[in-house]
Protein backbone atom coordinates (compact mmCIF):
# COMPACT_ATOMS: atom_id res chain seq x y z
CA UNK A 1 94.13 99.33 89.36
CA UNK A 2 90.73 98.40 90.74
CA UNK A 3 87.08 99.17 89.94
CA UNK A 4 86.14 99.04 93.63
CA UNK A 5 85.94 102.44 95.37
CA UNK A 6 85.35 100.79 98.76
CA UNK A 7 88.83 99.25 98.73
CA UNK A 8 90.59 102.60 99.30
CA UNK A 9 91.79 103.82 102.68
CA UNK A 10 93.09 107.08 101.18
CA UNK A 11 91.61 108.59 98.04
CA UNK A 12 91.76 111.71 95.92
CA UNK A 13 89.94 112.38 92.62
CA UNK A 14 91.94 112.39 89.41
CA UNK A 15 91.35 111.92 85.71
CA UNK A 16 93.95 109.65 84.12
CA UNK A 17 93.48 107.90 80.75
CA UNK A 18 94.21 104.15 80.79
CA UNK A 19 94.64 102.00 77.67
CA UNK A 20 93.23 98.51 78.26
CA UNK A 21 94.20 95.34 76.39
CA UNK A 22 91.56 95.71 73.67
CA UNK A 23 92.88 99.15 72.78
CA UNK A 24 90.02 101.12 74.34
CA UNK A 25 90.73 104.13 76.53
CA UNK A 26 89.06 104.28 79.94
CA UNK A 27 89.57 106.93 82.60
CA UNK A 28 90.51 106.64 86.25
CA UNK A 29 88.21 108.44 88.70
CA UNK A 30 90.72 108.63 91.54
CA UNK A 31 93.96 107.40 93.07
CA UNK A 32 94.92 106.30 96.57
CA UNK A 33 96.14 103.56 98.89
CA UNK A 34 94.64 100.08 99.29
CA UNK A 35 95.34 97.91 102.36
CA UNK A 36 95.79 94.24 101.54
CA UNK A 37 95.95 91.42 104.11
CA UNK A 38 98.05 88.53 102.70
CA UNK A 39 97.20 84.95 103.64
CA UNK A 40 99.94 82.32 103.75
CA UNK A 41 99.32 78.76 104.89
CA UNK A 42 95.82 79.66 106.02
CA UNK A 43 97.16 82.39 108.36
CA UNK A 44 96.67 86.16 107.90
CA UNK A 45 99.95 88.07 107.71
CA UNK A 46 100.72 91.76 108.39
CA UNK A 47 98.89 94.06 106.00
CA UNK A 48 100.60 95.52 102.94
CA UNK A 49 99.88 99.01 101.64
CA UNK A 50 99.58 99.39 97.85
CA UNK A 51 100.10 103.06 96.97
CA UNK A 52 99.24 104.99 93.79
CA UNK A 53 96.38 102.56 93.02
CA UNK A 54 94.10 103.88 90.28
CA UNK A 55 90.33 103.64 90.71
CA UNK A 56 89.02 102.72 87.24
CA UNK A 57 85.26 102.06 87.44
CA UNK A 58 85.11 100.58 83.91
CA UNK A 59 87.48 97.70 84.73
CA UNK A 60 86.04 94.23 85.30
CA UNK A 61 88.73 93.03 87.74
CA UNK A 62 91.69 94.18 89.82
CA UNK A 63 95.06 94.49 88.08
CA UNK A 64 98.50 94.59 89.72
CA UNK A 65 101.63 95.69 87.83
CA UNK A 66 104.39 93.26 88.80
CA UNK A 67 107.02 95.24 86.88
CA UNK A 68 106.08 98.43 88.74
CA UNK A 69 106.63 96.68 92.08
CA UNK A 70 109.98 95.32 90.92
CA UNK A 71 111.25 98.68 89.68
CA UNK A 72 109.87 100.99 92.39
CA UNK A 73 109.55 98.95 95.60
CA UNK A 74 112.70 96.80 95.62
CA UNK A 75 110.54 93.67 95.45
CA UNK A 76 111.92 90.41 94.06
CA UNK A 77 109.40 88.08 92.40
CA UNK A 78 109.83 84.29 92.38
CA UNK A 79 107.56 82.17 90.18
CA UNK A 80 107.54 78.40 90.25
CA UNK A 81 104.87 75.89 89.26
CA UNK A 82 101.47 77.27 90.29
CA UNK A 83 102.64 79.94 92.75
CA UNK A 84 104.43 83.29 92.93
CA UNK A 85 106.06 84.97 95.92
CA UNK A 86 106.84 88.67 96.36
CA UNK A 87 109.93 89.18 98.54
CA UNK A 88 111.30 92.41 100.02
CA UNK A 89 114.53 92.47 102.05
CA UNK A 90 114.40 88.69 102.42
CA UNK A 91 110.80 88.65 103.74
CA UNK A 92 107.86 87.24 101.78
CA UNK A 93 105.28 90.03 101.78
CA UNK A 94 102.55 88.12 99.93
CA UNK A 95 102.00 85.30 97.46
CA UNK A 96 99.83 84.61 94.43
CA UNK A 97 98.33 81.43 93.00
CA UNK A 98 98.62 80.79 89.25
CA UNK A 99 95.58 79.16 87.63
CA UNK A 100 95.29 77.07 84.46
CA UNK A 101 94.69 80.19 82.37
CA UNK A 102 98.15 81.49 83.40
CA UNK A 103 96.64 84.29 85.46
CA UNK A 104 97.80 84.88 89.05
CA UNK A 105 95.51 85.89 91.92
CA UNK A 106 96.87 87.34 95.15
CA UNK A 107 96.31 85.19 98.23
CA UNK A 108 94.45 87.36 100.75
CA UNK A 109 91.75 90.00 101.13
CA UNK A 110 91.42 93.77 101.31
CA UNK A 111 90.42 95.41 104.59
CA UNK A 112 89.65 98.83 106.08
CA UNK A 113 89.94 98.49 109.87
CA UNK A 114 92.16 101.05 111.65
CA UNK A 115 94.63 98.41 112.89
CA UNK A 116 95.00 96.94 109.40
CA UNK A 117 95.49 100.36 107.83
CA UNK A 118 98.16 101.29 110.39
CA UNK A 119 99.95 98.01 109.70
CA UNK A 120 99.74 98.59 105.95
CA UNK A 121 101.39 102.01 106.20
CA UNK A 122 104.37 100.43 107.93
CA UNK A 123 105.02 98.34 104.80
CA UNK A 124 105.25 101.36 102.47
CA UNK A 125 108.91 101.44 101.35
CA UNK A 126 110.91 104.18 103.09
CA UNK A 127 112.48 105.56 99.94
CA UNK A 128 113.37 109.09 98.91
CA UNK A 129 109.87 109.73 97.57
CA UNK A 130 108.32 108.94 100.95
CA UNK A 131 110.75 111.23 102.82
CA UNK A 132 110.11 113.93 100.21
CA UNK A 133 106.44 113.87 101.21
CA UNK A 134 107.19 113.58 104.95
CA UNK A 135 109.44 116.67 104.83
CA UNK A 136 106.68 118.82 103.33
CA UNK A 137 107.93 118.26 99.76
CA UNK A 138 111.46 119.53 100.36
CA UNK A 139 113.40 119.50 97.07
CA UNK A 140 115.15 116.22 96.33
CA UNK A 141 118.64 117.69 95.84
CA UNK A 142 118.56 119.31 99.27
CA UNK A 143 117.15 116.16 100.86
CA UNK A 144 119.88 114.03 99.29
CA UNK A 145 122.51 116.51 100.50
CA UNK A 146 121.14 116.46 104.06
CA UNK A 147 121.11 112.65 104.19
CA UNK A 148 124.55 112.24 102.59
CA UNK A 149 126.27 114.77 104.88
CA UNK A 150 124.32 113.62 107.96
CA UNK A 151 122.84 117.07 108.55
CA UNK A 152 119.70 115.43 109.93
CA UNK A 153 119.20 112.27 111.96
CA UNK A 154 116.44 109.68 112.02
CA UNK A 155 116.08 109.24 108.25
CA UNK A 156 116.59 105.71 106.95
CA UNK A 157 116.33 104.61 103.34
CA UNK A 158 115.32 100.99 102.90
CA UNK A 159 114.87 101.37 99.16
CA UNK A 160 117.15 103.08 96.65
CA UNK A 161 114.47 103.26 93.97
CA UNK A 162 114.63 106.46 91.93
CA UNK A 163 111.90 108.92 92.95
CA UNK A 164 109.15 109.81 90.53
CA UNK A 165 110.32 113.01 88.75
CA UNK A 166 106.72 114.28 88.58
CA UNK A 167 105.21 115.31 91.94
CA UNK A 168 101.69 116.69 91.51
CA UNK A 169 101.58 118.67 94.82
CA UNK A 170 104.93 120.31 93.94
CA UNK A 171 103.66 121.28 90.49
CA UNK A 172 100.41 122.65 91.90
CA UNK A 173 102.24 124.62 94.59
CA UNK A 174 104.43 126.38 92.03
CA UNK A 175 101.60 127.39 89.73
CA UNK A 176 100.85 131.08 89.48
CA UNK A 177 97.38 132.34 90.39
CA UNK A 178 95.61 135.44 89.17
CA UNK A 179 95.66 138.27 91.74
CA UNK A 180 92.67 138.51 94.06
CA UNK A 181 90.63 141.66 93.57
CA UNK A 182 90.23 143.91 96.59
CA UNK A 183 86.96 143.69 98.51
CA UNK A 184 87.20 147.35 99.49
CA UNK A 185 87.02 146.36 103.16
CA UNK A 186 89.87 147.57 105.36
CA UNK A 187 90.06 146.62 109.01
CA UNK A 188 92.41 148.18 111.55
CA UNK A 189 91.74 146.26 114.76
CA UNK A 190 92.29 142.67 115.84
CA UNK A 191 89.05 140.63 115.61
CA UNK A 192 87.28 143.44 113.76
CA UNK A 193 86.71 140.90 110.97
CA UNK A 194 87.12 137.13 111.21
CA UNK A 195 86.86 134.81 108.22
CA UNK A 196 85.91 131.14 108.47
CA UNK A 197 85.70 128.15 106.18
CA UNK A 198 84.32 124.63 106.70
CA UNK A 199 85.98 121.95 104.55
CA UNK A 200 84.93 118.35 103.98
CA UNK A 201 87.91 116.03 103.53
CA UNK A 202 87.65 113.49 100.66
CA UNK A 203 88.78 110.70 103.01
CA UNK A 204 88.17 110.42 106.74
CA UNK A 205 91.24 110.48 108.97
CA UNK A 206 92.27 107.38 110.91
CA UNK A 207 90.61 108.94 113.99
CA UNK A 208 87.30 109.39 112.15
CA UNK A 209 87.44 113.13 111.35
CA UNK A 210 85.51 114.07 108.19
CA UNK A 211 85.75 117.90 108.30
CA UNK A 212 87.88 120.76 109.56
CA UNK A 213 86.94 124.36 110.23
CA UNK A 214 89.38 127.26 109.99
CA UNK A 215 89.23 130.77 111.50
CA UNK A 216 91.34 133.64 110.15
CA UNK A 217 91.75 137.15 111.58
CA UNK A 218 91.74 139.79 108.86
CA UNK A 219 94.35 142.10 110.43
CA UNK A 220 96.83 139.88 112.23
CA UNK A 221 96.51 136.93 109.80
CA UNK A 222 96.37 134.66 112.84
CA UNK A 223 94.54 131.46 111.98
CA UNK A 224 93.42 128.31 113.76
CA UNK A 225 91.95 125.04 112.49
CA UNK A 226 89.95 122.36 114.30
CA UNK A 227 89.08 118.82 113.11
CA UNK A 228 85.43 117.75 113.21
CA UNK A 229 83.75 114.37 113.05
CA UNK A 230 80.29 115.86 112.36
CA UNK A 231 78.99 119.15 110.97
CA UNK A 232 76.83 119.51 114.05
CA UNK A 233 80.01 120.26 116.06
CA UNK A 234 80.61 123.53 114.20
CA UNK A 235 78.77 125.88 116.60
CA UNK A 236 80.41 124.51 119.74
CA UNK A 237 83.85 124.74 118.10
CA UNK A 238 83.09 128.32 117.08
CA UNK A 239 82.18 129.24 120.66
CA UNK A 240 85.39 127.65 121.92
CA UNK A 241 87.54 129.44 119.32
CA UNK A 242 85.76 132.75 119.98
CA UNK A 243 86.33 132.51 123.73
CA UNK A 244 90.00 131.65 123.26
CA UNK A 245 90.66 134.49 120.77
CA UNK A 246 88.87 137.11 122.88
CA UNK A 247 90.60 136.02 126.10
CA UNK A 248 94.03 136.13 124.43
CA UNK A 249 93.58 139.51 122.74
CA UNK A 250 91.20 141.36 125.06
CA UNK A 251 89.14 142.29 121.99
CA UNK A 252 85.69 141.26 120.83
CA UNK A 253 84.74 139.83 117.46
CA UNK A 254 82.87 142.59 115.59
CA UNK A 255 82.17 140.89 112.25
CA UNK A 256 82.26 137.22 111.24
């Protein structure tokens, strides 16, 4: 957990109650990934990605759950004298210095450069939870079956940690929605009516895109999406999409 919003390289809002040591309840404002650059012997090491980090503005300092790392990331912790080391698959990922108050502080700094972020993502453990997300949230039983019977190639599991049984995107995707009321508009021809939506992403992509715009044909349900770095690019992207759609179909956009 951290009170610093600027630390995050990926971020999504959430509201999670957190009980602090004095018994008070504070609430997280978001959750995401933080890139951390370890320093060992005065030399910066490859970045480490901390996932599922809670952004709790009311905290006074950063807090790292050692037990969570041990149970979910196959990390072994060694503590001796005034230092701790966090080891995964025989490699020391990062260290911490223990002070006189018996509190440990990680040796290193956080960073947000593209190269550091890319390096941090390579340290995220390739466990079943990660492949669940990479395969568009395919159900865990089917994924286990495919890996066990070698129905797919290229999947490696470097951690056997049990996946989190609660997956928020899966729960949201299975929720029922109330039916949409009819607008009374019925179109019969391609490009007679085109819908569009401009969306601002909560976190910029690694290539610097902050928005995307989508176009949807009312009859054919054909849709296209384009990433944008600035809102000022919208009109030029619309002209490009319009020209492409009209050239492909031989029709003209009648309503937008």
